[in-house]
mmCIF file of all heavy atoms, coordinates in Angstrom:
data_MODEL
# 
_entry.id   MODEL 
# 
loop_
_atom_site.group_PDB 
_atom_site.id 
_atom_site.type_symbol 
_atom_site.label_atom_id 
_atom_site.label_alt_id 
_atom_site.label_comp_id 
_atom_site.label_asym_id 
_atom_site.label_entity_id 
_atom_site.label_seq_id 
_atom_site.pdbx_PDB_ins_code 
_atom_site.Cartn_x 
_atom_site.Cartn_y 
_atom_site.Cartn_z 
_atom_site.occupancy 
_atom_site.B_iso_or_equiv 
_atom_site.pdbx_formal_charge 
_atom_site.auth_seq_id 
_atom_site.auth_comp_id 
_atom_site.auth_asym_id 
_atom_site.auth_atom_id 
_atom_site.pdbx_PDB_model_num 
ATOM 1   N N   . THR A 1 1  ? -3.380 -22.148 5.282   1.00 0.00 ? 1  THR A N   1 
ATOM 2   C CA  . THR A 1 1  ? -2.466 -21.243 5.973   1.00 0.00 ? 1  THR A CA  1 
ATOM 3   C C   . THR A 1 1  ? -1.928 -20.204 4.999   1.00 0.00 ? 1  THR A C   1 
ATOM 4   O O   . THR A 1 1  ? -1.768 -20.477 3.806   1.00 0.00 ? 1  THR A O   1 
ATOM 5   C CB  . THR A 1 1  ? -1.279 -22.023 6.592   1.00 0.00 ? 1  THR A CB  1 
ATOM 6   O OG1 . THR A 1 1  ? -0.582 -22.670 5.549   1.00 0.00 ? 1  THR A OG1 1 
ATOM 7   C CG2 . THR A 1 1  ? -1.765 -23.036 7.613   1.00 0.00 ? 1  THR A CG2 1 
ATOM 8   N N   . VAL A 1 2  ? -1.689 -19.049 5.547   1.00 0.00 ? 2  VAL A N   1 
ATOM 9   C CA  . VAL A 1 2  ? -1.163 -17.952 4.727   1.00 0.00 ? 2  VAL A CA  1 
ATOM 10  C C   . VAL A 1 2  ? 0.154  -17.511 5.338   1.00 0.00 ? 2  VAL A C   1 
ATOM 11  O O   . VAL A 1 2  ? 0.242  -17.258 6.534   1.00 0.00 ? 2  VAL A O   1 
ATOM 12  C CB  . VAL A 1 2  ? -2.161 -16.765 4.715   1.00 0.00 ? 2  VAL A CB  1 
ATOM 13  C CG1 . VAL A 1 2  ? -1.562 -15.591 3.972   1.00 0.00 ? 2  VAL A CG1 1 
ATOM 14  C CG2 . VAL A 1 2  ? -3.485 -17.186 4.105   1.00 0.00 ? 2  VAL A CG2 1 
ATOM 15  N N   . ASN A 1 3  ? 1.160  -17.420 4.518   1.00 0.00 ? 3  ASN A N   1 
ATOM 16  C CA  . ASN A 1 3  ? 2.449  -16.926 4.947   1.00 0.00 ? 3  ASN A CA  1 
ATOM 17  C C   . ASN A 1 3  ? 2.396  -15.404 4.863   1.00 0.00 ? 3  ASN A C   1 
ATOM 18  O O   . ASN A 1 3  ? 2.349  -14.823 3.773   1.00 0.00 ? 3  ASN A O   1 
ATOM 19  C CB  . ASN A 1 3  ? 3.546  -17.490 4.037   1.00 0.00 ? 3  ASN A CB  1 
ATOM 20  C CG  . ASN A 1 3  ? 4.922  -17.022 4.422   1.00 0.00 ? 3  ASN A CG  1 
ATOM 21  O OD1 . ASN A 1 3  ? 5.107  -15.891 4.866   1.00 0.00 ? 3  ASN A OD1 1 
ATOM 22  N ND2 . ASN A 1 3  ? 5.903  -17.898 4.239   1.00 0.00 ? 3  ASN A ND2 1 
ATOM 23  N N   . ALA A 1 4  ? 2.391  -14.744 6.005   1.00 0.00 ? 4  ALA A N   1 
ATOM 24  C CA  . ALA A 1 4  ? 2.238  -13.284 6.048   1.00 0.00 ? 4  ALA A CA  1 
ATOM 25  C C   . ALA A 1 4  ? 3.375  -12.580 5.325   1.00 0.00 ? 4  ALA A C   1 
ATOM 26  O O   . ALA A 1 4  ? 3.157  -11.581 4.630   1.00 0.00 ? 4  ALA A O   1 
ATOM 27  C CB  . ALA A 1 4  ? 2.156  -12.810 7.494   1.00 0.00 ? 4  ALA A CB  1 
ATOM 28  N N   . GLY A 1 5  ? 4.586  -13.061 5.449   1.00 0.00 ? 5  GLY A N   1 
ATOM 29  C CA  . GLY A 1 5  ? 5.732  -12.446 4.775   1.00 0.00 ? 5  GLY A CA  1 
ATOM 30  C C   . GLY A 1 5  ? 5.611  -12.531 3.268   1.00 0.00 ? 5  GLY A C   1 
ATOM 31  O O   . GLY A 1 5  ? 5.865  -11.551 2.554   1.00 0.00 ? 5  GLY A O   1 
ATOM 32  N N   . GLN A 1 6  ? 5.193  -13.695 2.783   1.00 0.00 ? 6  GLN A N   1 
ATOM 33  C CA  . GLN A 1 6  ? 5.024  -13.882 1.336   1.00 0.00 ? 6  GLN A CA  1 
ATOM 34  C C   . GLN A 1 6  ? 3.870  -13.018 0.822   1.00 0.00 ? 6  GLN A C   1 
ATOM 35  O O   . GLN A 1 6  ? 3.969  -12.395 -0.229  1.00 0.00 ? 6  GLN A O   1 
ATOM 36  C CB  . GLN A 1 6  ? 4.763  -15.355 1.024   1.00 0.00 ? 6  GLN A CB  1 
ATOM 37  C CG  . GLN A 1 6  ? 4.645  -15.643 -0.448  1.00 0.00 ? 6  GLN A CG  1 
ATOM 38  C CD  . GLN A 1 6  ? 4.375  -17.123 -0.724  1.00 0.00 ? 6  GLN A CD  1 
ATOM 39  O OE1 . GLN A 1 6  ? 4.287  -17.941 0.193   1.00 0.00 ? 6  GLN A OE1 1 
ATOM 40  N NE2 . GLN A 1 6  ? 4.255  -17.457 -1.988  1.00 0.00 ? 6  GLN A NE2 1 
ATOM 41  N N   . PHE A 1 7  ? 2.774  -12.975 1.596   1.00 0.00 ? 7  PHE A N   1 
ATOM 42  C CA  . PHE A 1 7  ? 1.630  -12.146 1.214   1.00 0.00 ? 7  PHE A CA  1 
ATOM 43  C C   . PHE A 1 7  ? 2.046  -10.677 1.120   1.00 0.00 ? 7  PHE A C   1 
ATOM 44  O O   . PHE A 1 7  ? 1.708  -9.982  0.171   1.00 0.00 ? 7  PHE A O   1 
ATOM 45  C CB  . PHE A 1 7  ? 0.491  -12.311 2.232   1.00 0.00 ? 7  PHE A CB  1 
ATOM 46  C CG  . PHE A 1 7  ? -0.670 -11.408 1.971   1.00 0.00 ? 7  PHE A CG  1 
ATOM 47  C CD1 . PHE A 1 7  ? -1.555 -11.669 0.935   1.00 0.00 ? 7  PHE A CD1 1 
ATOM 48  C CD2 . PHE A 1 7  ? -0.874 -10.272 2.748   1.00 0.00 ? 7  PHE A CD2 1 
ATOM 49  C CE1 . PHE A 1 7  ? -2.629 -10.826 0.683   1.00 0.00 ? 7  PHE A CE1 1 
ATOM 50  C CE2 . PHE A 1 7  ? -1.943 -9.428  2.510   1.00 0.00 ? 7  PHE A CE2 1 
ATOM 51  C CZ  . PHE A 1 7  ? -2.826 -9.699  1.472   1.00 0.00 ? 7  PHE A CZ  1 
ATOM 52  N N   . HIS A 1 8  ? 2.800  -10.216 2.118   1.00 0.00 ? 8  HIS A N   1 
ATOM 53  C CA  . HIS A 1 8  ? 3.255  -8.825  2.134   1.00 0.00 ? 8  HIS A CA  1 
ATOM 54  C C   . HIS A 1 8  ? 4.146  -8.533  0.911   1.00 0.00 ? 8  HIS A C   1 
ATOM 55  O O   . HIS A 1 8  ? 3.993  -7.489  0.263   1.00 0.00 ? 8  HIS A O   1 
ATOM 56  C CB  . HIS A 1 8  ? 4.012  -8.526  3.429   1.00 0.00 ? 8  HIS A CB  1 
ATOM 57  C CG  . HIS A 1 8  ? 4.523  -7.133  3.522   1.00 0.00 ? 8  HIS A CG  1 
ATOM 58  N ND1 . HIS A 1 8  ? 3.703  -6.059  3.754   1.00 0.00 ? 8  HIS A ND1 1 
ATOM 59  C CD2 . HIS A 1 8  ? 5.780  -6.623  3.385   1.00 0.00 ? 8  HIS A CD2 1 
ATOM 60  C CE1 . HIS A 1 8  ? 4.419  -4.951  3.760   1.00 0.00 ? 8  HIS A CE1 1 
ATOM 61  N NE2 . HIS A 1 8  ? 5.686  -5.272  3.546   1.00 0.00 ? 8  HIS A NE2 1 
ATOM 62  N N   . ALA A 1 9  ? 5.054  -9.432  0.595   1.00 0.00 ? 9  ALA A N   1 
ATOM 63  C CA  . ALA A 1 9  ? 5.952  -9.240  -0.553  1.00 0.00 ? 9  ALA A CA  1 
ATOM 64  C C   . ALA A 1 9  ? 5.165  -9.180  -1.860  1.00 0.00 ? 9  ALA A C   1 
ATOM 65  O O   . ALA A 1 9  ? 5.446  -8.337  -2.726  1.00 0.00 ? 9  ALA A O   1 
ATOM 66  C CB  . ALA A 1 9  ? 6.986  -10.370 -0.599  1.00 0.00 ? 9  ALA A CB  1 
ATOM 67  N N   . GLU A 1 10 ? 4.187  -10.060 -2.013  1.00 0.00 ? 10 GLU A N   1 
ATOM 68  C CA  . GLU A 1 10 ? 3.369  -10.066 -3.227  1.00 0.00 ? 10 GLU A CA  1 
ATOM 69  C C   . GLU A 1 10 ? 2.514  -8.803  -3.320  1.00 0.00 ? 10 GLU A C   1 
ATOM 70  O O   . GLU A 1 10 ? 2.346  -8.238  -4.412  1.00 0.00 ? 10 GLU A O   1 
ATOM 71  C CB  . GLU A 1 10 ? 2.498  -11.318 -3.273  1.00 0.00 ? 10 GLU A CB  1 
ATOM 72  C CG  . GLU A 1 10 ? 3.287  -12.588 -3.553  1.00 0.00 ? 10 GLU A CG  1 
ATOM 73  C CD  . GLU A 1 10 ? 2.422  -13.832 -3.566  1.00 0.00 ? 10 GLU A CD  1 
ATOM 74  O OE1 . GLU A 1 10 ? 1.199  -13.730 -3.793  1.00 0.00 ? 10 GLU A OE1 1 
ATOM 75  O OE2 . GLU A 1 10 ? 2.987  -14.917 -3.333  1.00 0.00 ? 10 GLU A OE2 1 
ATOM 76  N N   . LEU A 1 11 ? 2.004  -8.350  -2.190  1.00 0.00 ? 11 LEU A N   1 
ATOM 77  C CA  . LEU A 1 11 ? 1.210  -7.126  -2.169  1.00 0.00 ? 11 LEU A CA  1 
ATOM 78  C C   . LEU A 1 11 ? 2.076  -5.918  -2.540  1.00 0.00 ? 11 LEU A C   1 
ATOM 79  O O   . LEU A 1 11 ? 1.663  -5.068  -3.331  1.00 0.00 ? 11 LEU A O   1 
ATOM 80  C CB  . LEU A 1 11 ? 0.588  -6.934  -0.783  1.00 0.00 ? 11 LEU A CB  1 
ATOM 81  C CG  . LEU A 1 11 ? -0.372 -5.758  -0.633  1.00 0.00 ? 11 LEU A CG  1 
ATOM 82  C CD1 . LEU A 1 11 ? -1.539 -5.877  -1.608  1.00 0.00 ? 11 LEU A CD1 1 
ATOM 83  C CD2 . LEU A 1 11 ? -0.882 -5.688  0.798   1.00 0.00 ? 11 LEU A CD2 1 
ATOM 84  N N   . GLU A 1 12 ? 3.276  -5.845  -2.002  1.00 0.00 ? 12 GLU A N   1 
ATOM 85  C CA  . GLU A 1 12 ? 4.208  -4.755  -2.332  1.00 0.00 ? 12 GLU A CA  1 
ATOM 86  C C   . GLU A 1 12 ? 4.532  -4.759  -3.837  1.00 0.00 ? 12 GLU A C   1 
ATOM 87  O O   . GLU A 1 12 ? 4.568  -3.703  -4.466  1.00 0.00 ? 12 GLU A O   1 
ATOM 88  C CB  . GLU A 1 12 ? 5.506  -4.885  -1.531  1.00 0.00 ? 12 GLU A CB  1 
ATOM 89  C CG  . GLU A 1 12 ? 5.376  -4.529  -0.080  1.00 0.00 ? 12 GLU A CG  1 
ATOM 90  C CD  . GLU A 1 12 ? 5.191  -3.042  0.138   1.00 0.00 ? 12 GLU A CD  1 
ATOM 91  O OE1 . GLU A 1 12 ? 5.806  -2.241  -0.587  1.00 0.00 ? 12 GLU A OE1 1 
ATOM 92  O OE2 . GLU A 1 12 ? 4.410  -2.681  1.038   1.00 0.00 ? 12 GLU A OE2 1 
ATOM 93  N N   . LYS A 1 13 ? 4.751  -5.927  -4.391  1.00 0.00 ? 13 LYS A N   1 
ATOM 94  C CA  . LYS A 1 13 ? 5.055  -6.052  -5.819  1.00 0.00 ? 13 LYS A CA  1 
ATOM 95  C C   . LYS A 1 13 ? 3.870  -5.558  -6.650  1.00 0.00 ? 13 LYS A C   1 
ATOM 96  O O   . LYS A 1 13 ? 4.040  -4.828  -7.633  1.00 0.00 ? 13 LYS A O   1 
ATOM 97  C CB  . LYS A 1 13 ? 5.370  -7.510  -6.154  1.00 0.00 ? 13 LYS A CB  1 
ATOM 98  C CG  . LYS A 1 13 ? 5.746  -7.760  -7.588  1.00 0.00 ? 13 LYS A CG  1 
ATOM 99  C CD  . LYS A 1 13 ? 6.036  -9.236  -7.827  1.00 0.00 ? 13 LYS A CD  1 
ATOM 100 C CE  . LYS A 1 13 ? 6.279  -9.517  -9.284  1.00 0.00 ? 13 LYS A CE  1 
ATOM 101 N NZ  . LYS A 1 13 ? 6.467  -10.949 -9.541  1.00 0.00 ? 13 LYS A NZ  1 
ATOM 102 N N   . GLU A 1 14 ? 2.680  -5.944  -6.240  1.00 0.00 ? 14 GLU A N   1 
ATOM 103 C CA  . GLU A 1 14 ? 1.458  -5.543  -6.958  1.00 0.00 ? 14 GLU A CA  1 
ATOM 104 C C   . GLU A 1 14 ? 1.264  -4.026  -6.879  1.00 0.00 ? 14 GLU A C   1 
ATOM 105 O O   . GLU A 1 14 ? 0.946  -3.382  -7.873  1.00 0.00 ? 14 GLU A O   1 
ATOM 106 C CB  . GLU A 1 14 ? 0.270  -6.270  -6.343  1.00 0.00 ? 14 GLU A CB  1 
ATOM 107 C CG  . GLU A 1 14 ? -0.930 -6.489  -7.191  1.00 0.00 ? 14 GLU A CG  1 
ATOM 108 C CD  . GLU A 1 14 ? -0.702 -7.140  -8.536  1.00 0.00 ? 14 GLU A CD  1 
ATOM 109 O OE1 . GLU A 1 14 ? 0.048  -8.119  -8.661  1.00 0.00 ? 14 GLU A OE1 1 
ATOM 110 O OE2 . GLU A 1 14 ? -1.308 -6.633  -9.493  1.00 0.00 ? 14 GLU A OE2 1 
ATOM 111 N N   . LEU A 1 15 ? 1.474  -3.454  -5.711  1.00 0.00 ? 15 LEU A N   1 
ATOM 112 C CA  . LEU A 1 15 ? 1.326  -2.008  -5.535  1.00 0.00 ? 15 LEU A CA  1 
ATOM 113 C C   . LEU A 1 15 ? 2.364  -1.240  -6.343  1.00 0.00 ? 15 LEU A C   1 
ATOM 114 O O   . LEU A 1 15 ? 2.065  -0.188  -6.905  1.00 0.00 ? 15 LEU A O   1 
ATOM 115 C CB  . LEU A 1 15 ? 1.426  -1.633  -4.055  1.00 0.00 ? 15 LEU A CB  1 
ATOM 116 C CG  . LEU A 1 15 ? 0.232  -2.021  -3.198  1.00 0.00 ? 15 LEU A CG  1 
ATOM 117 C CD1 . LEU A 1 15 ? 0.502  -1.717  -1.728  1.00 0.00 ? 15 LEU A CD1 1 
ATOM 118 C CD2 . LEU A 1 15 ? -1.022 -1.309  -3.662  1.00 0.00 ? 15 LEU A CD2 1 
ATOM 119 N N   . LYS A 1 16 ? 3.574  -1.760  -6.423  1.00 0.00 ? 16 LYS A N   1 
ATOM 120 C CA  . LYS A 1 16 ? 4.618  -1.114  -7.226  1.00 0.00 ? 16 LYS A CA  1 
ATOM 121 C C   . LYS A 1 16 ? 4.201  -1.086  -8.691  1.00 0.00 ? 16 LYS A C   1 
ATOM 122 O O   . LYS A 1 16 ? 4.382  -0.074  -9.373  1.00 0.00 ? 16 LYS A O   1 
ATOM 123 C CB  . LYS A 1 16 ? 5.949  -1.849  -7.073  1.00 0.00 ? 16 LYS A CB  1 
ATOM 124 C CG  . LYS A 1 16 ? 7.076  -1.243  -7.860  1.00 0.00 ? 16 LYS A CG  1 
ATOM 125 C CD  . LYS A 1 16 ? 8.266  -1.022  -6.979  1.00 0.00 ? 16 LYS A CD  1 
ATOM 126 C CE  . LYS A 1 16 ? 9.418  -0.481  -7.755  1.00 0.00 ? 16 LYS A CE  1 
ATOM 127 N NZ  . LYS A 1 16 ? 9.491  0.950   -7.752  1.00 0.00 ? 16 LYS A NZ  1 
ATOM 128 N N   . GLY A 1 17 ? 3.586  -2.162  -9.172  1.00 0.00 ? 17 GLY A N   1 
ATOM 129 C CA  . GLY A 1 17 ? 3.102  -2.208  -10.545 1.00 0.00 ? 17 GLY A CA  1 
ATOM 130 C C   . GLY A 1 17 ? 1.998  -1.188  -10.795 1.00 0.00 ? 17 GLY A C   1 
ATOM 131 O O   . GLY A 1 17 ? 1.961  -0.537  -11.842 1.00 0.00 ? 17 GLY A O   1 
ATOM 132 N N   . VAL A 1 18 ? 1.111  -1.019  -9.820  1.00 0.00 ? 18 VAL A N   1 
ATOM 133 C CA  . VAL A 1 18 ? 0.034  -0.035  -9.936  1.00 0.00 ? 18 VAL A CA  1 
ATOM 134 C C   . VAL A 1 18 ? 0.623  1.375   -9.950  1.00 0.00 ? 18 VAL A C   1 
ATOM 135 O O   . VAL A 1 18 ? 0.218  2.221   -10.755 1.00 0.00 ? 18 VAL A O   1 
ATOM 136 C CB  . VAL A 1 18 ? -0.996 -0.191  -8.794  1.00 0.00 ? 18 VAL A CB  1 
ATOM 137 C CG1 . VAL A 1 18 ? -1.973 0.972   -8.754  1.00 0.00 ? 18 VAL A CG1 1 
ATOM 138 C CG2 . VAL A 1 18 ? -1.744 -1.507  -8.935  1.00 0.00 ? 18 VAL A CG2 1 
ATOM 139 N N   . GLU A 1 19 ? 1.586  1.646   -9.082  1.00 0.00 ? 19 GLU A N   1 
ATOM 140 C CA  . GLU A 1 19 ? 2.232  2.962   -9.059  1.00 0.00 ? 19 GLU A CA  1 
ATOM 141 C C   . GLU A 1 19 ? 2.905  3.268   -10.391 1.00 0.00 ? 19 GLU A C   1 
ATOM 142 O O   . GLU A 1 19 ? 2.798  4.376   -10.911 1.00 0.00 ? 19 GLU A O   1 
ATOM 143 C CB  . GLU A 1 19 ? 3.279  3.028   -7.939  1.00 0.00 ? 19 GLU A CB  1 
ATOM 144 C CG  . GLU A 1 19 ? 2.722  3.244   -6.570  1.00 0.00 ? 19 GLU A CG  1 
ATOM 145 C CD  . GLU A 1 19 ? 3.815  3.359   -5.517  1.00 0.00 ? 19 GLU A CD  1 
ATOM 146 O OE1 . GLU A 1 19 ? 4.965  2.929   -5.764  1.00 0.00 ? 19 GLU A OE1 1 
ATOM 147 O OE2 . GLU A 1 19 ? 3.509  3.884   -4.440  1.00 0.00 ? 19 GLU A OE2 1 
ATOM 148 N N   . GLU A 1 20 ? 3.609  2.301   -10.948 1.00 0.00 ? 20 GLU A N   1 
ATOM 149 C CA  . GLU A 1 20 ? 4.291  2.502   -12.228 1.00 0.00 ? 20 GLU A CA  1 
ATOM 150 C C   . GLU A 1 20 ? 3.289  2.757   -13.346 1.00 0.00 ? 20 GLU A C   1 
ATOM 151 O O   . GLU A 1 20 ? 3.494  3.645   -14.174 1.00 0.00 ? 20 GLU A O   1 
ATOM 152 C CB  . GLU A 1 20 ? 5.166  1.293   -12.561 1.00 0.00 ? 20 GLU A CB  1 
ATOM 153 C CG  . GLU A 1 20 ? 6.413  1.189   -11.702 1.00 0.00 ? 20 GLU A CG  1 
ATOM 154 C CD  . GLU A 1 20 ? 7.189  -0.101  -11.929 1.00 0.00 ? 20 GLU A CD  1 
ATOM 155 O OE1 . GLU A 1 20 ? 6.795  -0.912  -12.797 1.00 0.00 ? 20 GLU A OE1 1 
ATOM 156 O OE2 . GLU A 1 20 ? 8.203  -0.295  -11.238 1.00 0.00 ? 20 GLU A OE2 1 
ATOM 157 N N   . ALA A 1 21 ? 2.199  2.005   -13.364 1.00 0.00 ? 21 ALA A N   1 
ATOM 158 C CA  . ALA A 1 21 ? 1.174  2.193   -14.394 1.00 0.00 ? 21 ALA A CA  1 
ATOM 159 C C   . ALA A 1 21 ? 0.518  3.564   -14.260 1.00 0.00 ? 21 ALA A C   1 
ATOM 160 O O   . ALA A 1 21 ? 0.276  4.246   -15.265 1.00 0.00 ? 21 ALA A O   1 
ATOM 161 C CB  . ALA A 1 21 ? 0.122  1.086   -14.302 1.00 0.00 ? 21 ALA A CB  1 
ATOM 162 N N   . THR A 1 22 ? 0.261  3.988   -13.034 1.00 0.00 ? 22 THR A N   1 
ATOM 163 C CA  . THR A 1 22 ? -0.347 5.299   -12.801 1.00 0.00 ? 22 THR A CA  1 
ATOM 164 C C   . THR A 1 22 ? 0.601  6.416   -13.226 1.00 0.00 ? 22 THR A C   1 
ATOM 165 O O   . THR A 1 22 ? 0.184  7.391   -13.868 1.00 0.00 ? 22 THR A O   1 
ATOM 166 C CB  . THR A 1 22 ? -0.721 5.459   -11.314 1.00 0.00 ? 22 THR A CB  1 
ATOM 167 O OG1 . THR A 1 22 ? -1.600 4.397   -10.952 1.00 0.00 ? 22 THR A OG1 1 
ATOM 168 C CG2 . THR A 1 22 ? -1.385 6.787   -11.037 1.00 0.00 ? 22 THR A CG2 1 
ATOM 169 N N   . THR A 1 23 ? 1.861  6.292   -12.900 1.00 0.00 ? 23 THR A N   1 
ATOM 170 C CA  . THR A 1 23 ? 2.855  7.294   -13.287 1.00 0.00 ? 23 THR A CA  1 
ATOM 171 C C   . THR A 1 23 ? 2.998  7.355   -14.806 1.00 0.00 ? 23 THR A C   1 
ATOM 172 O O   . THR A 1 23 ? 3.051  8.443   -15.387 1.00 0.00 ? 23 THR A O   1 
ATOM 173 C CB  . THR A 1 23 ? 4.202  6.998   -12.610 1.00 0.00 ? 23 THR A CB  1 
ATOM 174 O OG1 . THR A 1 23 ? 4.007  6.978   -11.193 1.00 0.00 ? 23 THR A OG1 1 
ATOM 175 C CG2 . THR A 1 23 ? 5.250  8.044   -12.947 1.00 0.00 ? 23 THR A CG2 1 
ATOM 176 N N   . ASP A 1 24 ? 3.036  6.215   -15.459 1.00 0.00 ? 24 ASP A N   1 
ATOM 177 C CA  . ASP A 1 24 ? 3.118  6.182   -16.929 1.00 0.00 ? 24 ASP A CA  1 
ATOM 178 C C   . ASP A 1 24 ? 1.898  6.845   -17.556 1.00 0.00 ? 24 ASP A C   1 
ATOM 179 O O   . ASP A 1 24 ? 2.015  7.602   -18.521 1.00 0.00 ? 24 ASP A O   1 
ATOM 180 C CB  . ASP A 1 24 ? 3.243  4.746   -17.440 1.00 0.00 ? 24 ASP A CB  1 
ATOM 181 C CG  . ASP A 1 24 ? 4.597  4.121   -17.124 1.00 0.00 ? 24 ASP A CG  1 
ATOM 182 O OD1 . ASP A 1 24 ? 5.534  4.863   -16.759 1.00 0.00 ? 24 ASP A OD1 1 
ATOM 183 O OD2 . ASP A 1 24 ? 4.712  2.885   -17.235 1.00 0.00 ? 24 ASP A OD2 1 
# 
């Protein structure tokens, strides 16, 4: 089973890291 809320939160965190790395 996959918790959609947890998956979404982890995906958002990962995308924020990619955005920060790209901006840097």
